C-alpha atoms as a PDB file:
ATOM      1  CA  MET A   1     -82.086 -45.718   5.820  1.00  0.00           C
ATOM      2  CA  ALA A   2     -83.632 -48.589   7.746  1.00  0.00           C
ATOM      3  CA  TYR A   3     -83.175 -49.067  11.484  1.00  0.00           C
ATOM      4  CA  SER A   4     -83.241 -52.590  12.831  1.00  0.00           C
ATOM      5  CA  PHE A   5     -83.497 -53.711  16.433  1.00  0.00           C
ATOM      6  CA  THR A   6     -84.402 -56.805  18.349  1.00  0.00           C
ATOM      7  CA  CYS A   7     -85.473 -57.640  21.879  1.00  0.00           C
ATOM      8  CA  PRO A   8     -86.191 -61.028  23.450  1.00  0.00           C
ATOM      9  CA  PHE A   9     -89.202 -61.469  25.681  1.00  0.00           C
ATOM     10  CA  SER A  10     -91.045 -64.070  27.684  1.00  0.00           C
ATOM     11  CA  ILE A  11     -94.687 -64.528  28.588  1.00  0.00           C
ATOM     12  CA  ILE A  12     -95.177 -65.165  32.267  1.00  0.00           C
ATOM     13  CA  ALA A  13     -98.041 -65.342  34.718  1.00  0.00           C
ATOM     14  CA  SER A  14     -98.391 -62.947  37.611  1.00  0.00           C
ATOM     15  CA  HIS A  15     -98.919 -65.908  39.952  1.00  0.00           C
ATOM     16  CA  GLU A  16     -99.830 -69.572  40.161  1.00  0.00           C
ATOM     17  CA  ILE A  17    -101.719 -71.765  42.614  1.00  0.00           C
ATOM     18  CA  LEU A  18     -99.475 -73.974  44.712  1.00  0.00           C
ATOM     19  CA  ILE A  19    -101.194 -75.875  47.483  1.00  0.00           C
ATOM     20  CA  ARG A  20    -100.784 -79.387  48.772  1.00  0.00           C
ATOM     21  CA  GLY A  21    -101.772 -81.835  46.067  1.00  0.00           C
ATOM     22  CA  PHE A  22    -102.513 -79.163  43.471  1.00  0.00           C
ATOM     23  CA  HIS A  23    -100.567 -76.929  41.103  1.00  0.00           C
ATOM     24  CA  GLY A  24    -102.471 -74.565  38.838  1.00  0.00           C
ATOM     25  CA  ARG A  25    -100.835 -72.154  36.420  1.00  0.00           C
ATOM     26  CA  ASN A  26    -101.601 -70.549  33.088  1.00  0.00           C
ATOM     27  CA  THR A  27     -99.373 -70.795  30.031  1.00  0.00           C
ATOM     28  CA  VAL A  28     -99.739 -69.799  26.396  1.00  0.00           C
ATOM     29  CA  LYS A  29     -98.536 -71.035  23.037  1.00  0.00           C
ATOM     30  CA  LEU A  30     -98.276 -68.506  20.223  1.00  0.00           C
ATOM     31  CA  ASN A  31     -98.691 -69.458  16.591  1.00  0.00           C
ATOM     32  CA  LEU A  32     -95.389 -68.240  15.185  1.00  0.00           C
ATOM     33  CA  PRO A  33     -93.557 -66.863  13.283  1.00  0.00           C
ATOM     34  CA  LEU A  34     -95.701 -63.813  12.705  1.00  0.00           C
ATOM     35  CA  GLU A  35     -94.898 -60.815  10.505  1.00  0.00           C
ATOM     36  CA  ILE A  36     -96.898 -57.588  10.756  1.00  0.00           C
ATOM     37  CA  ASP A  37     -96.588 -54.688   8.326  1.00  0.00           C
ATOM     38  CA  SER A  38     -97.214 -51.146   9.622  1.00  0.00           C
ATOM     39  CA  PRO A  39     -97.899 -52.172  13.246  1.00  0.00           C
ATOM     40  CA  LEU A  40     -99.688 -49.461  15.244  1.00  0.00           C
ATOM     41  CA  GLY A  41    -100.186 -47.692  11.918  1.00  0.00           C
ATOM     42  CA  ILE A  42     -96.472 -46.859  11.587  1.00  0.00           C
ATOM     43  CA  VAL A  43     -95.842 -46.981   7.841  1.00  0.00           C
ATOM     44  CA  GLY A  44     -92.408 -48.234   6.778  1.00  0.00           C
ATOM     45  CA  THR A  45     -92.111 -50.502   9.800  1.00  0.00           C
ATOM     46  CA  THR A  46     -92.228 -54.293   9.947  1.00  0.00           C
ATOM     47  CA  LEU A  47     -92.535 -56.325  13.141  1.00  0.00           C
ATOM     48  CA  THR A  48     -91.591 -59.997  13.229  1.00  0.00           C
ATOM     49  CA  ILE A  49     -92.297 -62.157  16.260  1.00  0.00           C
ATOM     50  CA  SER A  50     -90.552 -65.511  16.488  1.00  0.00           C
ATOM     51  CA  LYS A  51     -89.825 -68.201  19.021  1.00  0.00           C
ATOM     52  CA  LYS A  52     -86.255 -68.578  20.307  1.00  0.00           C
ATOM     53  CA  GLY A  53     -86.576 -71.368  22.855  1.00  0.00           C
ATOM     54  CA  ASN A  54     -88.993 -73.137  25.143  1.00  0.00           C
ATOM     55  CA  ASP A  55     -89.872 -70.044  27.137  1.00  0.00           C
ATOM     56  CA  GLU A  56     -88.402 -67.228  25.084  1.00  0.00           C
ATOM     57  CA  TYR A  57     -89.584 -65.240  22.093  1.00  0.00           C
ATOM     58  CA  SER A  58     -88.135 -62.352  20.147  1.00  0.00           C
ATOM     59  CA  PHE A  59     -89.232 -59.096  18.550  1.00  0.00           C
ATOM     60  CA  LEU A  60     -87.429 -58.052  15.362  1.00  0.00           C
ATOM     61  CA  VAL A  61     -88.264 -54.598  14.036  1.00  0.00           C
ATOM     62  CA  ILE A  62     -87.130 -53.006  10.794  1.00  0.00           C
ATOM     63  CA  SER A  63     -88.224 -49.393  10.500  1.00  0.00           C
ATOM     64  CA  GLU A  64     -87.580 -46.263   8.502  1.00  0.00           C
ATOM     65  CA  THR A  65     -88.584 -43.968  11.371  1.00  0.00           C
ATOM     66  CA  LEU A  66     -87.816 -45.602  14.733  1.00  0.00           C
ATOM     67  CA  SER A  67     -84.306 -44.208  14.835  1.00  0.00           C
ATOM     68  CA  THR A  68     -83.618 -43.608  18.535  1.00  0.00           C
ATOM     69  CA  GLU A  69     -83.572 -45.787  21.632  1.00  0.00           C
ATOM     70  CA  GLU A  70     -86.439 -43.758  23.080  1.00  0.00           C
ATOM     71  CA  LEU A  71     -88.639 -44.324  20.027  1.00  0.00           C
ATOM     72  CA  GLN A  72     -87.721 -47.998  19.859  1.00  0.00           C
ATOM     73  CA  THR A  73     -88.417 -48.595  23.540  1.00  0.00           C
ATOM     74  CA  SER A  74     -91.712 -46.698  23.342  1.00  0.00           C
ATOM     75  CA  PHE A  75     -92.766 -48.763  20.336  1.00  0.00           C
ATOM     76  CA  LEU A  76     -92.016 -52.073  22.040  1.00  0.00           C
ATOM     77  CA  GLU A  77     -93.764 -50.944  25.229  1.00  0.00           C
ATOM     78  CA  LYS A  78     -96.929 -50.339  23.200  1.00  0.00           C
ATOM     79  CA  ILE A  79     -96.621 -53.662  21.376  1.00  0.00           C
ATOM     80  CA  THR A  80     -96.036 -55.405  24.703  1.00  0.00           C
ATOM     81  CA  ALA A  81     -99.167 -53.818  26.161  1.00  0.00           C
ATOM     82  CA  CYS A  82    -101.252 -54.745  23.119  1.00  0.00           C
ATOM     83  CA  ILE A  83    -100.229 -58.397  23.224  1.00  0.00           C
ATOM     84  CA  SER A  84    -100.767 -58.529  26.984  1.00  0.00           C
ATOM     85  CA  LEU A  85    -104.250 -57.065  26.520  1.00  0.00           C
ATOM     86  CA  ARG A  86    -105.047 -59.741  23.942  1.00  0.00           C
ATOM     87  CA  LEU A  87    -103.885 -62.399  26.378  1.00  0.00           C
ATOM     88  CA  GLY A  88    -106.183 -60.906  29.010  1.00  0.00           C
ATOM     89  CA  LEU A  89    -109.158 -60.892  26.646  1.00  0.00           C
ATOM     90  CA  GLU A  90    -108.611 -64.575  25.892  1.00  0.00           C
ATOM     91  CA  GLU A  91    -107.937 -65.581  29.502  1.00  0.00           C
ATOM     92  CA  ALA A  92    -110.678 -67.899  30.755  1.00  0.00           C
ATOM     93  CA  ASN A  93    -109.361 -68.491  34.266  1.00  0.00           C
ATOM     94  CA  PRO A  94    -107.212 -65.661  35.685  1.00  0.00           C
ATOM     95  CA  HIS A  95    -107.375 -67.374  39.086  1.00  0.00           C
ATOM     96  CA  TYR A  96    -104.321 -69.364  37.967  1.00  0.00           C
ATOM     97  CA  GLY A  97    -102.392 -66.277  36.942  1.00  0.00           C
ATOM     98  CA  THR A  98    -102.780 -63.381  34.538  1.00  0.00           C
ATOM     99  CA  LEU A  99    -100.373 -63.680  31.621  1.00  0.00           C
ATOM    100  CA  PHE A 100     -98.288 -60.749  30.450  1.00  0.00           C
ATOM    101  CA  VAL A 101     -95.367 -60.068  28.132  1.00  0.00           C
ATOM    102  CA  LYS A 102     -92.075 -59.314  29.844  1.00  0.00           C
ATOM    103  CA  PRO A 103     -89.389 -57.854  27.544  1.00  0.00           C
ATOM    104  CA  LYS A 104     -85.748 -58.350  28.447  1.00  0.00           C
ATOM    105  CA  TRP A 105     -84.841 -54.703  28.100  1.00  0.00           C
ATOM    106  CA  HIS A 106     -81.174 -55.213  28.883  1.00  0.00           C
ATOM    107  CA  GLN A 107     -80.931 -57.283  25.673  1.00  0.00           C
ATOM    108  CA  LEU A 108     -82.536 -54.667  23.423  1.00  0.00           C
ATOM    109  CA  GLU A 109     -80.061 -54.500  20.533  1.00  0.00           C
ATOM    110  CA  ASN A 110     -79.578 -52.288  17.527  1.00  0.00           C
ATOM    111  CA  ILE A 111     -78.546 -54.310  14.493  1.00  0.00           C
ATOM    112  CA  SER A 112     -76.723 -53.075  11.419  1.00  0.00           C
ATOM    113  CA  VAL A 113     -75.695 -54.911   8.270  1.00  0.00           C
ATOM    114  CA  THR A 114     -72.160 -54.562   6.934  1.00  0.00           C
ATOM    115  CA  PRO A 115     -71.301 -54.700   3.213  1.00  0.00           C
ATOM    116  CA  ASN A 116     -70.290 -58.325   3.761  1.00  0.00           C
ATOM    117  CA  GLY A 117     -73.704 -59.149   5.173  1.00  0.00           C
ATOM    118  CA  LEU A 118     -72.471 -59.539   8.740  1.00  0.00           C
ATOM    119  CA  MET A 119     -74.800 -58.614  11.582  1.00  0.00           C
ATOM    120  CA  LEU A 120     -73.274 -56.303  14.189  1.00  0.00           C
ATOM    121  CA  SER A 121     -74.923 -55.556  17.507  1.00  0.00           C
ATOM    122  CA  ASP A 122     -74.183 -54.276  20.959  1.00  0.00           C
ATOM    123  CA  SER A 123     -75.828 -54.693  24.334  1.00  0.00           C
ATOM    124  CA  LEU A 124     -75.092 -54.146  27.986  1.00  0.00           C
ATOM    125  CA  SER A 125     -75.845 -56.516  30.811  1.00  0.00           C
ATOM    126  CA  LEU A 126     -75.385 -55.521  34.441  1.00  0.00           C
ATOM    127  CA  LYS A 127     -75.867 -57.883  37.341  1.00  0.00           C
ATOM    128  CA  SER A 128     -75.966 -56.785  40.955  1.00  0.00           C
ATOM    129  CA  VAL A 129     -75.247 -59.609  43.372  1.00  0.00           C
ATOM    130  CA  LEU A 130     -76.543 -59.286  46.932  1.00  0.00           C
ATOM    131  CA  THR A 131     -75.012 -61.506  49.575  1.00  0.00           C
ATOM    132  CA  LEU A 132     -77.784 -62.198  52.061  1.00  0.00           C
ATOM    133  CA  ASP A 133     -77.718 -64.289  55.200  1.00  0.00           C
ATOM    134  CA  ILE A 134     -81.192 -65.794  55.475  1.00  0.00           C
ATOM    135  CA  SER A 135     -81.300 -67.197  58.959  1.00  0.00           C
ATOM    136  CA  GLU A 136     -84.195 -67.896  61.243  1.00  0.00           C
ATOM    137  CA  GLU A 137     -83.850 -64.731  63.308  1.00  0.00           C
ATOM    138  CA  HIS A 138     -84.442 -62.573  60.229  1.00  0.00           C
ATOM    139  CA  PHE A 139     -88.016 -63.804  59.803  1.00  0.00           C
ATOM    140  CA  PHE A 140     -90.603 -61.749  61.644  1.00  0.00           C
ATOM    141  CA  PRO A 141     -94.139 -62.714  62.755  1.00  0.00           C
ATOM    142  CA  LEU A 142     -96.811 -61.648  60.277  1.00  0.00           C
ATOM    143  CA  THR A 143     -98.767 -59.523  62.725  1.00  0.00           C
ATOM    144  CA  HIS A 144     -99.677 -57.141  59.884  1.00  0.00           C
ATOM    145  CA  PRO A 145     -99.947 -59.452  56.844  1.00  0.00           C
ATOM    146  CA  ASP A 146    -101.843 -56.908  54.719  1.00  0.00           C
ATOM    147  CA  LEU A 147     -98.985 -54.443  55.093  1.00  0.00           C
ATOM    148  CA  LEU A 148     -96.438 -56.988  53.913  1.00  0.00           C
ATOM    149  CA  ASN A 149     -98.700 -58.026  51.051  1.00  0.00           C
ATOM    150  CA  PHE A 150     -98.943 -54.412  49.859  1.00  0.00           C
ATOM    151  CA  TYR A 151     -95.176 -54.238  49.816  1.00  0.00           C
ATOM    152  CA  TYR A 152     -94.772 -57.590  48.064  1.00  0.00           C
ATOM    153  CA  ASP A 153     -97.319 -56.613  45.413  1.00  0.00           C
ATOM    154  CA  GLY A 154     -95.249 -53.512  44.802  1.00  0.00           C
ATOM    155  CA  LEU A 155     -92.135 -55.615  44.317  1.00  0.00           C
ATOM    156  CA  ARG A 156     -93.668 -57.913  41.729  1.00  0.00           C
ATOM    157  CA  ALA A 157     -95.743 -55.306  39.886  1.00  0.00           C
ATOM    158  CA  GLU A 158     -94.469 -54.662  36.365  1.00  0.00           C
ATOM    159  CA  HIS A 159     -95.630 -51.112  35.676  1.00  0.00           C
ATOM    160  CA  LEU A 160     -94.056 -48.206  37.551  1.00  0.00           C
ATOM    161  CA  LYS A 161     -97.435 -46.696  38.374  1.00  0.00           C
ATOM    162  CA  SER A 162     -98.643 -50.018  39.750  1.00  0.00           C
ATOM    163  CA  LYS A 163     -95.549 -50.230  41.912  1.00  0.00           C
ATOM    164  CA  TYR A 164     -96.117 -46.712  43.159  1.00  0.00           C
ATOM    165  CA  PHE A 165     -99.744 -47.486  43.984  1.00  0.00           C
ATOM    166  CA  HIS A 166     -98.875 -50.558  46.065  1.00  0.00           C
ATOM    167  CA  PHE A 167     -95.959 -48.954  47.880  1.00  0.00           C
ATOM    168  CA  PHE A 168     -98.127 -45.936  48.712  1.00  0.00           C
ATOM    169  CA  LEU A 169    -100.655 -48.322  50.296  1.00  0.00           C
ATOM    170  CA  VAL A 170     -97.989 -48.925  52.916  1.00  0.00           C
ATOM    171  CA  LEU A 171     -98.269 -45.276  53.987  1.00  0.00           C
ATOM    172  CA  GLU A 172    -102.064 -45.314  53.784  1.00  0.00           C
ATOM    173  CA  TYR A 173    -102.061 -48.342  56.083  1.00  0.00           C
ATOM    174  CA  LEU A 174    -100.637 -46.125  58.810  1.00  0.00           C
ATOM    175  CA  GLU A 175    -103.689 -43.870  58.624  1.00  0.00           C
ATOM    176  CA  SER A 176    -106.006 -46.672  59.748  1.00  0.00           C
ATOM    177  CA  SER A 177    -103.944 -47.562  62.831  1.00  0.00           C
ATOM    178  CA  GLN A 178    -104.674 -46.911  66.493  1.00  0.00           C
ATOM    179  CA  LYS A 179    -101.346 -45.090  66.670  1.00  0.00           C
ATOM    180  CA  TYR A 180    -102.533 -42.607  64.056  1.00  0.00           C
ATOM    181  CA  ARG A 181    -105.827 -42.014  65.885  1.00  0.00           C
ATOM    182  CA  SER A 182    -104.001 -41.550  69.189  1.00  0.00           C
ATOM    183  CA  LEU A 183    -101.672 -38.952  67.698  1.00  0.00           C
ATOM    184  CA  PHE A 184    -104.265 -36.882  65.869  1.00  0.00           C
ATOM    185  CA  GLY A 185    -107.689 -37.765  67.262  1.00  0.00           C
ATOM    186  CA  SER A 186    -107.792 -34.717  69.522  1.00  0.00           C
ATOM    187  CA  SER A 187    -106.702 -32.156  66.912  1.00  0.00           C
ATOM    188  CA  LYS A 188    -110.051 -31.825  65.182  1.00  0.00           C
ATOM    189  CA  LEU A 189    -110.480 -28.912  62.782  1.00  0.00           C
ATOM    190  CA  PHE A 190    -113.914 -27.945  64.139  1.00  0.00           C
ATOM    191  CA  ASP A 191    -114.663 -27.167  67.772  1.00  0.00           C
ATOM    192  CA  THR A 192    -117.685 -28.496  69.689  1.00  0.00           C
ATOM    193  CA  ALA A 193    -120.046 -25.689  68.726  1.00  0.00           C
ATOM    194  CA  GLU A 194    -119.064 -25.862  65.057  1.00  0.00           C
ATOM    195  CA  THR A 195    -119.467 -29.630  65.091  1.00  0.00           C
ATOM    196  CA  GLU A 196    -123.011 -29.320  66.415  1.00  0.00           C
ATOM    197  CA  ARG A 197    -123.967 -26.834  63.692  1.00  0.00           C
ATOM    198  CA  ILE A 198    -122.491 -29.080  60.987  1.00  0.00           C
ATOM    199  CA  GLU A 199    -124.381 -32.097  62.351  1.00  0.00           C
ATOM    200  CA  GLN A 200    -127.589 -30.064  62.413  1.00  0.00           C
ATOM    201  CA  LEU A 201    -127.067 -29.000  58.800  1.00  0.00           C
ATOM    202  CA  ALA A 202    -126.284 -32.576  57.739  1.00  0.00           C
ATOM    203  CA  SER A 203    -129.461 -33.884  59.353  1.00  0.00           C
ATOM    204  CA  GLN A 204    -131.476 -31.810  56.884  1.00  0.00           C
ATOM    205  CA  MET A 205    -129.802 -33.385  53.855  1.00  0.00           C
ATOM    206  CA  LYS A 206    -130.385 -36.631  51.971  1.00  0.00           C
ATOM    207  CA  SER A 207    -128.016 -39.517  52.623  1.00  0.00           C
ATOM    208  CA  THR A 208    -125.344 -38.769  49.984  1.00  0.00           C
ATOM    209  CA  LYS A 209    -124.988 -35.090  50.889  1.00  0.00           C
ATOM    210  CA  LYS A 210    -125.319 -35.903  54.574  1.00  0.00           C
ATOM    211  CA  ASP A 211    -122.401 -38.350  54.429  1.00  0.00           C
ATOM    212  CA  ALA A 212    -120.272 -35.849  52.519  1.00  0.00           C
ATOM    213  CA  ILE A 213    -120.892 -33.128  55.103  1.00  0.00           C
ATOM    214  CA  LEU A 214    -120.271 -35.417  58.086  1.00  0.00           C
ATOM    215  CA  LYS A 215    -116.933 -36.443  56.621  1.00  0.00           C
ATOM    216  CA  LEU A 216    -115.790 -32.886  57.235  1.00  0.00           C
ATOM    217  CA  LEU A 217    -115.852 -33.644  60.948  1.00  0.00           C
ATOM    218  CA  LEU A 218    -113.008 -36.114  60.454  1.00  0.00           C
ATOM    219  CA  ARG A 219    -110.649 -33.380  59.314  1.00  0.00           C
ATOM    220  CA  THR A 220    -107.882 -32.278  61.620  1.00  0.00           C
ATOM    221  CA  LYS A 221    -105.856 -29.112  61.933  1.00  0.00           C
ATOM    222  CA  ASP A 222    -102.745 -30.759  60.502  1.00  0.00           C
ATOM    223  CA  SER A 223    -102.469 -31.674  56.829  1.00  0.00           C
ATOM    224  CA  ARG A 224    -102.352 -35.268  55.687  1.00  0.00           C
ATOM    225  CA  GLU A 225     -98.682 -34.919  54.800  1.00  0.00           C
ATOM    226  CA  ALA A 226     -97.807 -33.473  58.201  1.00  0.00           C
ATOM    227  CA  LYS A 227     -99.568 -36.335  59.971  1.00  0.00           C
ATOM    228  CA  LEU A 228     -97.839 -38.974  57.839  1.00  0.00           C
ATOM    229  CA  LEU A 229     -94.493 -37.343  58.545  1.00  0.00           C
ATOM    230  CA  ALA A 230     -95.182 -37.293  62.290  1.00  0.00           C
ATOM    231  CA  ILE A 231     -96.084 -40.978  62.525  1.00  0.00           C
ATOM    232  CA  ILE A 232     -93.159 -42.037  60.332  1.00  0.00           C
ATOM    233  CA  GLN A 233     -90.725 -40.008  62.412  1.00  0.00           C
ATOM    234  CA  SER A 234     -92.246 -41.510  65.562  1.00  0.00           C
ATOM    235  CA  PHE A 235     -90.789 -44.808  64.341  1.00  0.00           C
ATOM    236  CA  GLY A 236     -87.332 -43.240  64.341  1.00  0.00           C
ATOM    237  CA  ILE A 237     -87.288 -43.026  60.557  1.00  0.00           C
ATOM    238  CA  ILE A 238     -85.750 -39.619  59.895  1.00  0.00           C
ATOM    239  CA  SER A 239     -83.674 -40.294  56.769  1.00  0.00           C
ATOM    240  CA  ILE A 240     -83.344 -42.645  53.799  1.00  0.00           C
ATOM    241  CA  THR A 241     -80.326 -43.674  51.734  1.00  0.00           C
ATOM    242  CA  VAL A 242     -80.421 -43.423  47.949  1.00  0.00           C
ATOM    243  CA  LEU A 243     -77.368 -44.575  45.977  1.00  0.00           C
ATOM    244  CA  GLY A 244     -75.173 -43.976  48.988  1.00  0.00           C
ATOM    245  CA  GLN A 245     -76.574 -40.496  49.640  1.00  0.00           C
ATOM    246  CA  THR A 246     -78.606 -39.635  52.736  1.00  0.00           C
ATOM    247  CA  LYS A 247     -81.866 -37.728  52.327  1.00  0.00           C
ATOM    248  CA  ASP A 248     -83.892 -36.307  55.212  1.00  0.00           C
ATOM    249  CA  VAL A 249     -87.439 -37.546  55.612  1.00  0.00           C
ATOM    250  CA  ASP A 250     -89.151 -34.173  55.805  1.00  0.00           C
ATOM    251  CA  LEU A 251     -92.396 -32.497  54.856  1.00  0.00           C
ATOM    252  CA  THR A 252     -91.118 -31.688  51.364  1.00  0.00           C
ATOM    253  CA  MET A 253     -90.468 -35.378  50.684  1.00  0.00           C
ATOM    254  CA  ILE A 254     -93.878 -36.489  51.964  1.00  0.00           C
ATOM    255  CA  LYS A 255     -95.625 -33.770  49.938  1.00  0.00           C
ATOM    256  CA  ASN A 256     -93.782 -34.888  46.803  1.00  0.00           C
ATOM    257  CA  ILE A 257     -94.697 -38.530  47.393  1.00  0.00           C
ATOM    258  CA  THR A 258     -98.361 -37.637  47.927  1.00  0.00           C
ATOM    259  CA  LYS A 259     -98.424 -35.314  44.913  1.00  0.00           C
ATOM    260  CA  ASN A 260     -97.183 -38.104  42.655  1.00  0.00           C
ATOM    261  CA  ARG A 261     -99.732 -40.507  44.132  1.00  0.00           C
ATOM    262  CA  ASN A 262    -102.473 -38.080  43.094  1.00  0.00           C
ATOM    263  CA  LYS A 263    -101.069 -38.032  39.543  1.00  0.00           C
ATOM    264  CA  LEU A 264    -101.249 -41.796  39.033  1.00  0.00           C
ATOM    265  CA  PHE A 265    -104.644 -41.942  37.368  1.00  0.00           C
ATOM    266  CA  HIS A 266    -104.898 -38.438  35.959  1.00  0.00           C
ATOM    267  CA  SER A 267    -104.680 -38.546  32.176  1.00  0.00           C
ATOM    268  CA  GLY A 268    -101.786 -36.490  30.869  1.00  0.00           C
ATOM    269  CA  ALA A 269    -100.225 -35.935  34.294  1.00  0.00           C
ATOM    270  CA  ASN A 270     -96.440 -36.120  34.377  1.00  0.00           C
ATOM    271  CA  PHE A 271     -95.580 -39.025  36.684  1.00  0.00           C
ATOM    272  CA  SER A 272     -92.102 -38.912  38.233  1.00  0.00           C
ATOM    273  CA  ALA A 273     -90.229 -42.203  38.457  1.00  0.00           C
ATOM    274  CA  ASP A 274     -87.681 -40.405  40.655  1.00  0.00           C
ATOM    275  CA  ALA A 275     -90.296 -40.114  43.381  1.00  0.00           C
ATOM    276  CA  LEU A 276     -90.689 -43.905  43.261  1.00  0.00           C
ATOM    277  CA  TRP A 277     -87.052 -44.990  43.224  1.00  0.00           C
ATOM    278  CA  GLY A 278     -85.580 -42.020  45.067  1.00  0.00           C
ATOM    279  CA  GLU A 279     -88.140 -41.640  47.871  1.00  0.00           C
ATOM    280  CA  LEU A 280     -91.208 -43.874  48.167  1.00  0.00           C
ATOM    281  CA  PHE A 281     -89.543 -47.266  47.717  1.00  0.00           C
ATOM    282  CA  GLN A 282     -86.928 -46.653  50.383  1.00  0.00           C
ATOM    283  CA  LEU A 283     -89.444 -45.098  52.771  1.00  0.00           C
ATOM    284  CA  ALA A 284     -91.975 -47.929  52.357  1.00  0.00           C
ATOM    285  CA  THR A 285     -89.178 -50.467  52.899  1.00  0.00           C
ATOM    286  CA  LEU A 286     -88.127 -48.863  56.172  1.00  0.00           C
ATOM    287  CA  VAL A 287     -91.722 -48.563  57.397  1.00  0.00           C
ATOM    288  CA  VAL A 288     -92.545 -52.210  56.658  1.00  0.00           C
ATOM    289  CA  ALA A 289     -89.290 -53.390  58.246  1.00  0.00           C
ATOM    290  CA  HIS A 290     -89.899 -51.346  61.403  1.00  0.00           C
ATOM    291  CA  ILE A 291     -93.495 -52.513  61.852  1.00  0.00           C
ATOM    292  CA  SER A 292     -92.526 -56.128  61.133  1.00  0.00           C
ATOM    293  CA  ARG A 293     -89.934 -55.961  63.897  1.00  0.00           C
ATOM    294  CA  ASN A 294     -92.141 -53.901  66.235  1.00  0.00           C
ATOM    295  CA  PRO A 295     -95.759 -54.880  65.498  1.00  0.00           C
ATOM    296  CA  GLU A 296     -97.016 -53.221  68.679  1.00  0.00           C
ATOM    297  CA  CYS A 297     -95.860 -49.800  67.474  1.00  0.00           C
ATOM    298  CA  LEU A 298     -99.187 -49.240  65.682  1.00  0.00           C
ATOM    299  CA  ASP A 299    -101.255 -50.022  68.766  1.00  0.00           C
ATOM    300  CA  VAL A 300    -100.201 -47.171  71.046  1.00  0.00           C
END
């Protein structure tokens, strides 16, 4: 039995250059149609790539083995990454935008053929409409532009791990603030006598080891997670709302967020998307909103 499925996609650039008198952007034109037998070494599978419109293409896959939605999605994710990598290898000027393939997952369709030759398919499309009043008083001064840029990069990032990385930068930004130093600067892990002995030991080492030892003096009695929780709660952020449900911002949540951050670039580590959509995204949103409205809160 053969399984057939199709999914439209587009090729877009991560950004473009728009300044007065100049517009720079990257585009691509694929030589199509293209048919590939045994893509990714999967015998009994054929991939056809064709053009549907000016800015839209389509994958058509016929396979003896890709029988489930999970297998089909995983296959297309790998094909998408391979094509995007090829685009990157051929890109001469990424300054005008890095091109990548963006599948329209909501239009992924399984196709079957009836005895009469008719093509049957099903798909689901959901659209959430947000009514938003964009008025002048809702725009805040960019006192902390890097913070907002971290958040924006998280919004436009395609890969879940990339999103997680950028949204976590929002929390890391807090650690470099005067507010953070004021809260925890006096709770050093080592006392004066211990500090002197560590400095004496470090002075006998070469530069690399010396720097590593001296970094110990920056450690405080509280854990990183406890300090992040304290500064976040100092903003009045004590809970988040996920799908209508309220969740407390507590040490368990911060530990889970940090744990998943540490998994991002560890090969084979099980990354939890729930930590992104059920905790970090909402928390980063509240932090950025609070600091945007109260930019002085990081100074005291």
